[in-house]
């Protein structure tokens, strides 16, 4: 069995913030994959009981770099 190539970076509530973070990371040259329960991403997004939760995955090689970017992003929000 092969080694996993992706690491869970963080989870956010809602697709809007997930897409914002994805754009921020991609602008820095980082490849990002989003995972969300299918029902939470339809025409009327659902955000109750964790259905709006979106997981952001990054490559193992870029994890340290991205964690620093995430820290900067979170500090800027405060």
C-alpha atoms as a PDB file:
ATOM      1  CA  UNK A   1       0.000   0.000   0.000  1.00  0.00           C
ATOM      2  CA  UNK A   2       1.353   3.423  -0.944  1.00  0.00           C
ATOM      3  CA  UNK A   3       2.059   6.269   1.400  1.00  0.00           C
ATOM      4  CA  UNK A   4      -0.554   9.003   1.724  1.00  0.00           C
ATOM      5  CA  UNK A   5       0.317  12.131  -0.241  1.00  0.00           C
ATOM      6  CA  UNK A   6      -2.158  14.502   1.439  1.00  0.00           C
ATOM      7  CA  UNK A   7      -2.400  15.839   4.979  1.00  0.00           C
ATOM      8  CA  UNK A   8      -5.474  17.317   6.634  1.00  0.00           C
ATOM      9  CA  UNK A   9      -4.559  20.936   7.289  1.00  0.00           C
ATOM     10  CA  UNK A  10      -7.739  22.279   8.863  1.00  0.00           C
ATOM     11  CA  UNK A  11     -11.518  22.184   8.885  1.00  0.00           C
ATOM     12  CA  UNK A  12     -13.702  25.245   8.450  1.00  0.00           C
ATOM     13  CA  UNK A  13     -17.432  25.812   8.671  1.00  0.00           C
ATOM     14  CA  UNK A  14     -18.839  26.745   5.288  1.00  0.00           C
ATOM     15  CA  UNK A  15     -17.716  26.627   1.688  1.00  0.00           C
ATOM     16  CA  UNK A  16     -17.170  30.384   1.484  1.00  0.00           C
ATOM     17  CA  UNK A  17     -14.288  30.385   3.962  1.00  0.00           C
ATOM     18  CA  UNK A  18     -12.909  27.170   2.466  1.00  0.00           C
ATOM     19  CA  UNK A  19     -12.829  28.716  -1.008  1.00  0.00           C
ATOM     20  CA  UNK A  20     -11.217  31.862   0.396  1.00  0.00           C
ATOM     21  CA  UNK A  21      -8.477  29.842   2.095  1.00  0.00           C
ATOM     22  CA  UNK A  22      -7.973  27.728  -1.021  1.00  0.00           C
ATOM     23  CA  UNK A  23      -7.480  30.865  -3.137  1.00  0.00           C
ATOM     24  CA  UNK A  24      -5.085  32.318  -0.546  1.00  0.00           C
ATOM     25  CA  UNK A  25      -2.969  29.163  -0.501  1.00  0.00           C
ATOM     26  CA  UNK A  26      -3.013  28.702  -4.279  1.00  0.00           C
ATOM     27  CA  UNK A  27      -1.839  32.304  -4.716  1.00  0.00           C
ATOM     28  CA  UNK A  28       1.209  31.256  -2.676  1.00  0.00           C
ATOM     29  CA  UNK A  29       1.802  28.283  -4.985  1.00  0.00           C
ATOM     30  CA  UNK A  30       0.253  25.618  -2.745  1.00  0.00           C
ATOM     31  CA  UNK A  31      -1.966  22.875  -4.126  1.00  0.00           C
ATOM     32  CA  UNK A  32      -5.125  22.397  -2.033  1.00  0.00           C
ATOM     33  CA  UNK A  33      -7.911  19.821  -2.140  1.00  0.00           C
ATOM     34  CA  UNK A  34     -11.277  20.441  -0.484  1.00  0.00           C
ATOM     35  CA  UNK A  35     -13.545  17.736   0.877  1.00  0.00           C
ATOM     36  CA  UNK A  36     -17.135  18.366   1.909  1.00  0.00           C
ATOM     37  CA  UNK A  37     -20.151  16.180   2.508  1.00  0.00           C
ATOM     38  CA  UNK A  38     -22.170  16.300  -0.734  1.00  0.00           C
ATOM     39  CA  UNK A  39     -25.399  17.511   0.850  1.00  0.00           C
ATOM     40  CA  UNK A  40     -23.657  20.530   2.359  1.00  0.00           C
ATOM     41  CA  UNK A  41     -22.689  21.893  -1.065  1.00  0.00           C
ATOM     42  CA  UNK A  42     -25.955  21.982  -2.991  1.00  0.00           C
ATOM     43  CA  UNK A  43     -28.050  24.950  -4.102  1.00  0.00           C
ATOM     44  CA  UNK A  44     -29.100  25.612  -0.504  1.00  0.00           C
ATOM     45  CA  UNK A  45     -25.972  24.934   1.554  1.00  0.00           C
ATOM     46  CA  UNK A  46     -26.617  23.215   4.867  1.00  0.00           C
ATOM     47  CA  UNK A  47     -24.471  24.144   7.843  1.00  0.00           C
ATOM     48  CA  UNK A  48     -26.122  22.261  10.711  1.00  0.00           C
ATOM     49  CA  UNK A  49     -24.744  19.159  12.424  1.00  0.00           C
ATOM     50  CA  UNK A  50     -21.385  19.466  10.707  1.00  0.00           C
ATOM     51  CA  UNK A  51     -22.798  19.231   7.177  1.00  0.00           C
ATOM     52  CA  UNK A  52     -21.257  22.589   6.294  1.00  0.00           C
ATOM     53  CA  UNK A  53     -17.816  21.471   7.456  1.00  0.00           C
ATOM     54  CA  UNK A  54     -15.150  21.570   4.769  1.00  0.00           C
ATOM     55  CA  UNK A  55     -11.773  19.874   5.159  1.00  0.00           C
ATOM     56  CA  UNK A  56      -8.690  21.342   3.485  1.00  0.00           C
ATOM     57  CA  UNK A  57      -5.950  18.934   2.482  1.00  0.00           C
ATOM     58  CA  UNK A  58      -2.441  19.872   1.327  1.00  0.00           C
ATOM     59  CA  UNK A  59       0.453  17.822   0.022  1.00  0.00           C
ATOM     60  CA  UNK A  60       2.785  16.364   2.611  1.00  0.00           C
ATOM     61  CA  UNK A  61       5.730  18.227   1.083  1.00  0.00           C
ATOM     62  CA  UNK A  62       4.098  21.638   1.525  1.00  0.00           C
ATOM     63  CA  UNK A  63       2.559  21.110   4.973  1.00  0.00           C
ATOM     64  CA  UNK A  64       5.075  23.184   6.978  1.00  0.00           C
ATOM     65  CA  UNK A  65       4.880  26.099   4.544  1.00  0.00           C
ATOM     66  CA  UNK A  66       1.085  26.037   4.548  1.00  0.00           C
ATOM     67  CA  UNK A  67       0.812  25.846   8.339  1.00  0.00           C
ATOM     68  CA  UNK A  68       2.753  29.126   8.497  1.00  0.00           C
ATOM     69  CA  UNK A  69       0.404  30.673   5.918  1.00  0.00           C
ATOM     70  CA  UNK A  70      -2.612  29.442   7.901  1.00  0.00           C
ATOM     71  CA  UNK A  71      -1.185  30.938  11.093  1.00  0.00           C
ATOM     72  CA  UNK A  72      -0.686  34.282   9.317  1.00  0.00           C
ATOM     73  CA  UNK A  73      -4.251  34.132   7.975  1.00  0.00           C
ATOM     74  CA  UNK A  74      -5.736  33.380  11.404  1.00  0.00           C
ATOM     75  CA  UNK A  75      -3.704  36.160  13.063  1.00  0.00           C
ATOM     76  CA  UNK A  76      -4.884  38.642  10.435  1.00  0.00           C
ATOM     77  CA  UNK A  77      -8.519  37.736  11.187  1.00  0.00           C
ATOM     78  CA  UNK A  78      -8.131  38.663  14.876  1.00  0.00           C
END
